[in-house]
């Protein structure tokens, strides 16, 4: 039982290496492996975004405010940023790719509610 609880905690609070592995898995599963991140890491300096990326060098940053949230929510933010490695804008082509993640709409709603409860206004990825 303790091993199961430890594994669950690792999923909820992944390391930077875990985030990179998860990003590669999400890319393979939902983006045909087209998004190839060089790094994915937690950062403390994002107070108004859930994540960000730099397509030029393939780096993705995830706000530490997401630590402890459900795995499917963190996966959505990673998926959002992976998609930016392929499509820089938030146009129709971008959202079509993001929607390949089955819990995308649910995760967006979760994040909007989470943000509203904490700050009174929704935030962006």
C-alpha atoms as a PDB file:
ATOM      1  CA  UNK A   1       0.000   0.000   0.000  1.00  0.00           C
ATOM      2  CA  UNK A   2       2.838   2.393   0.807  1.00  0.00           C
ATOM      3  CA  UNK A   3       4.367   1.738  -2.613  1.00  0.00           C
ATOM      4  CA  UNK A   4       1.053   2.576  -4.282  1.00  0.00           C
ATOM      5  CA  UNK A   5       0.768   5.814  -2.306  1.00  0.00           C
ATOM      6  CA  UNK A   6       4.362   6.763  -3.176  1.00  0.00           C
ATOM      7  CA  UNK A   7       3.720   6.077  -6.880  1.00  0.00           C
ATOM      8  CA  UNK A   8       0.565   8.197  -6.765  1.00  0.00           C
ATOM      9  CA  UNK A   9       2.485  11.054  -5.146  1.00  0.00           C
ATOM     10  CA  UNK A  10       5.216  10.837  -7.819  1.00  0.00           C
ATOM     11  CA  UNK A  11       2.532  11.159 -10.513  1.00  0.00           C
ATOM     12  CA  UNK A  12       1.065  14.219  -8.791  1.00  0.00           C
ATOM     13  CA  UNK A  13       4.448  15.854  -8.151  1.00  0.00           C
ATOM     14  CA  UNK A  14       6.646  14.775 -11.049  1.00  0.00           C
ATOM     15  CA  UNK A  15      10.272  15.826 -11.380  1.00  0.00           C
ATOM     16  CA  UNK A  16      11.574  17.743 -14.395  1.00  0.00           C
ATOM     17  CA  UNK A  17      12.748  14.425 -15.859  1.00  0.00           C
ATOM     18  CA  UNK A  18       9.277  12.960 -15.321  1.00  0.00           C
ATOM     19  CA  UNK A  19       7.734  15.958 -17.092  1.00  0.00           C
ATOM     20  CA  UNK A  20      10.028  15.487 -20.094  1.00  0.00           C
ATOM     21  CA  UNK A  21       9.202  11.785 -20.275  1.00  0.00           C
ATOM     22  CA  UNK A  22       5.492  12.561 -20.003  1.00  0.00           C
ATOM     23  CA  UNK A  23       5.777  15.197 -22.753  1.00  0.00           C
ATOM     24  CA  UNK A  24       7.454  12.711 -25.074  1.00  0.00           C
ATOM     25  CA  UNK A  25       4.724  10.165 -24.366  1.00  0.00           C
ATOM     26  CA  UNK A  26       1.977  12.725 -25.027  1.00  0.00           C
ATOM     27  CA  UNK A  27       3.651  13.797 -28.258  1.00  0.00           C
ATOM     28  CA  UNK A  28       3.920  10.191 -29.424  1.00  0.00           C
ATOM     29  CA  UNK A  29       0.326   9.390 -28.513  1.00  0.00           C
ATOM     30  CA  UNK A  30      -1.502  12.521 -29.678  1.00  0.00           C
ATOM     31  CA  UNK A  31       0.853  14.372 -32.040  1.00  0.00           C
ATOM     32  CA  UNK A  32       2.404  11.444 -33.913  1.00  0.00           C
ATOM     33  CA  UNK A  33       5.710  12.298 -32.219  1.00  0.00           C
ATOM     34  CA  UNK A  34       5.977  15.551 -34.185  1.00  0.00           C
ATOM     35  CA  UNK A  35       6.604  17.730 -31.124  1.00  0.00           C
ATOM     36  CA  UNK A  36      10.094  17.030 -29.815  1.00  0.00           C
ATOM     37  CA  UNK A  37      10.812  18.938 -26.606  1.00  0.00           C
ATOM     38  CA  UNK A  38      14.420  19.337 -25.514  1.00  0.00           C
ATOM     39  CA  UNK A  39      13.448  20.029 -21.920  1.00  0.00           C
ATOM     40  CA  UNK A  40      10.379  20.381 -19.730  1.00  0.00           C
ATOM     41  CA  UNK A  41      10.820  21.870 -16.278  1.00  0.00           C
ATOM     42  CA  UNK A  42       9.004  23.424 -13.367  1.00  0.00           C
ATOM     43  CA  UNK A  43       9.436  27.175 -12.882  1.00  0.00           C
ATOM     44  CA  UNK A  44       8.445  29.515 -10.054  1.00  0.00           C
ATOM     45  CA  UNK A  45       8.254  32.735 -12.067  1.00  0.00           C
ATOM     46  CA  UNK A  46       4.941  32.196 -13.891  1.00  0.00           C
ATOM     47  CA  UNK A  47       2.203  33.900 -11.958  1.00  0.00           C
ATOM     48  CA  UNK A  48      -0.211  34.484 -14.845  1.00  0.00           C
ATOM     49  CA  UNK A  49       0.402  31.482 -17.103  1.00  0.00           C
ATOM     50  CA  UNK A  50       0.201  27.766 -16.554  1.00  0.00           C
ATOM     51  CA  UNK A  51       3.005  27.080 -18.995  1.00  0.00           C
ATOM     52  CA  UNK A  52       5.145  28.531 -21.746  1.00  0.00           C
ATOM     53  CA  UNK A  53       7.508  27.342 -24.425  1.00  0.00           C
ATOM     54  CA  UNK A  54      10.247  28.511 -26.727  1.00  0.00           C
ATOM     55  CA  UNK A  55       9.783  26.758 -30.089  1.00  0.00           C
ATOM     56  CA  UNK A  56      13.235  27.836 -31.297  1.00  0.00           C
ATOM     57  CA  UNK A  57      15.003  25.626 -28.775  1.00  0.00           C
ATOM     58  CA  UNK A  58      12.232  23.211 -27.766  1.00  0.00           C
ATOM     59  CA  UNK A  59      12.051  24.216 -24.116  1.00  0.00           C
ATOM     60  CA  UNK A  60       8.823  24.019 -22.129  1.00  0.00           C
ATOM     61  CA  UNK A  61       8.264  25.558 -18.711  1.00  0.00           C
ATOM     62  CA  UNK A  62       5.413  24.551 -16.394  1.00  0.00           C
ATOM     63  CA  UNK A  63       4.298  26.728 -13.489  1.00  0.00           C
ATOM     64  CA  UNK A  64       4.891  25.221 -10.064  1.00  0.00           C
ATOM     65  CA  UNK A  65       1.363  26.364  -9.208  1.00  0.00           C
ATOM     66  CA  UNK A  66       0.240  23.181 -11.007  1.00  0.00           C
ATOM     67  CA  UNK A  67       2.123  20.869  -8.643  1.00  0.00           C
ATOM     68  CA  UNK A  68      -0.281  18.579  -6.886  1.00  0.00           C
ATOM     69  CA  UNK A  69      -3.098  19.068  -9.401  1.00  0.00           C
ATOM     70  CA  UNK A  70      -4.530  15.998 -11.133  1.00  0.00           C
ATOM     71  CA  UNK A  71      -2.255  14.301 -13.667  1.00  0.00           C
ATOM     72  CA  UNK A  72      -4.744  14.858 -16.525  1.00  0.00           C
ATOM     73  CA  UNK A  73      -4.673  18.613 -15.887  1.00  0.00           C
ATOM     74  CA  UNK A  74      -0.870  18.770 -15.959  1.00  0.00           C
ATOM     75  CA  UNK A  75      -0.961  16.609 -19.086  1.00  0.00           C
ATOM     76  CA  UNK A  76      -3.265  19.125 -20.745  1.00  0.00           C
ATOM     77  CA  UNK A  77      -0.876  22.013 -20.032  1.00  0.00           C
ATOM     78  CA  UNK A  78       2.024  19.959 -21.375  1.00  0.00           C
ATOM     79  CA  UNK A  79      -0.040  19.077 -24.452  1.00  0.00           C
ATOM     80  CA  UNK A  80      -0.880  22.767 -24.965  1.00  0.00           C
ATOM     81  CA  UNK A  81       2.796  23.716 -24.859  1.00  0.00           C
ATOM     82  CA  UNK A  82       3.840  20.772 -27.039  1.00  0.00           C
ATOM     83  CA  UNK A  83       1.383  21.994 -29.644  1.00  0.00           C
ATOM     84  CA  UNK A  84       3.044  25.414 -29.555  1.00  0.00           C
ATOM     85  CA  UNK A  85       6.255  23.715 -30.646  1.00  0.00           C
ATOM     86  CA  UNK A  86       4.359  22.931 -33.866  1.00  0.00           C
ATOM     87  CA  UNK A  87       1.943  25.873 -34.171  1.00  0.00           C
ATOM     88  CA  UNK A  88       2.955  29.149 -32.467  1.00  0.00           C
ATOM     89  CA  UNK A  89      -0.462  30.870 -32.555  1.00  0.00           C
ATOM     90  CA  UNK A  90      -3.828  29.991 -31.003  1.00  0.00           C
ATOM     91  CA  UNK A  91      -5.571  29.632 -34.369  1.00  0.00           C
ATOM     92  CA  UNK A  92      -7.829  26.800 -35.563  1.00  0.00           C
ATOM     93  CA  UNK A  93      -4.903  24.534 -36.520  1.00  0.00           C
ATOM     94  CA  UNK A  94      -3.517  24.872 -32.983  1.00  0.00           C
ATOM     95  CA  UNK A  95      -6.811  24.008 -31.261  1.00  0.00           C
ATOM     96  CA  UNK A  96      -7.440  21.091 -33.614  1.00  0.00           C
ATOM     97  CA  UNK A  97      -4.187  19.518 -32.414  1.00  0.00           C
ATOM     98  CA  UNK A  98      -4.802  20.322 -28.733  1.00  0.00           C
ATOM     99  CA  UNK A  99      -8.242  18.697 -28.953  1.00  0.00           C
ATOM    100  CA  UNK A 100      -6.581  15.371 -29.750  1.00  0.00           C
ATOM    101  CA  UNK A 101      -6.007  15.158 -25.996  1.00  0.00           C
ATOM    102  CA  UNK A 102      -9.285  13.590 -24.808  1.00  0.00           C
ATOM    103  CA  UNK A 103      -9.536  15.600 -21.575  1.00  0.00           C
ATOM    104  CA  UNK A 104      -8.637  18.980 -23.103  1.00  0.00           C
ATOM    105  CA  UNK A 105     -12.010  20.633 -22.603  1.00  0.00           C
ATOM    106  CA  UNK A 106     -12.408  19.200 -19.107  1.00  0.00           C
ATOM    107  CA  UNK A 107      -8.902  20.367 -18.120  1.00  0.00           C
ATOM    108  CA  UNK A 108      -9.529  23.888 -19.463  1.00  0.00           C
ATOM    109  CA  UNK A 109     -12.684  24.059 -17.348  1.00  0.00           C
ATOM    110  CA  UNK A 110     -10.805  22.783 -14.308  1.00  0.00           C
ATOM    111  CA  UNK A 111      -8.074  25.404 -14.739  1.00  0.00           C
ATOM    112  CA  UNK A 112     -10.588  28.208 -15.274  1.00  0.00           C
ATOM    113  CA  UNK A 113     -12.418  27.214 -12.086  1.00  0.00           C
ATOM    114  CA  UNK A 114      -9.188  26.772 -10.150  1.00  0.00           C
ATOM    115  CA  UNK A 115      -7.957  30.174 -11.279  1.00  0.00           C
ATOM    116  CA  UNK A 116     -11.256  31.905 -10.567  1.00  0.00           C
ATOM    117  CA  UNK A 117     -11.378  30.424  -7.077  1.00  0.00           C
ATOM    118  CA  UNK A 118      -7.820  31.518  -6.348  1.00  0.00           C
ATOM    119  CA  UNK A 119      -7.731  34.912  -8.068  1.00  0.00           C
ATOM    120  CA  UNK A 120     -11.160  35.805  -9.283  1.00  0.00           C
ATOM    121  CA  UNK A 121     -10.135  35.784 -12.980  1.00  0.00           C
ATOM    122  CA  UNK A 122      -9.259  33.037 -15.478  1.00  0.00           C
ATOM    123  CA  UNK A 123      -5.674  32.645 -16.655  1.00  0.00           C
ATOM    124  CA  UNK A 124      -4.108  31.477 -19.896  1.00  0.00           C
ATOM    125  CA  UNK A 125      -1.645  28.754 -20.839  1.00  0.00           C
END
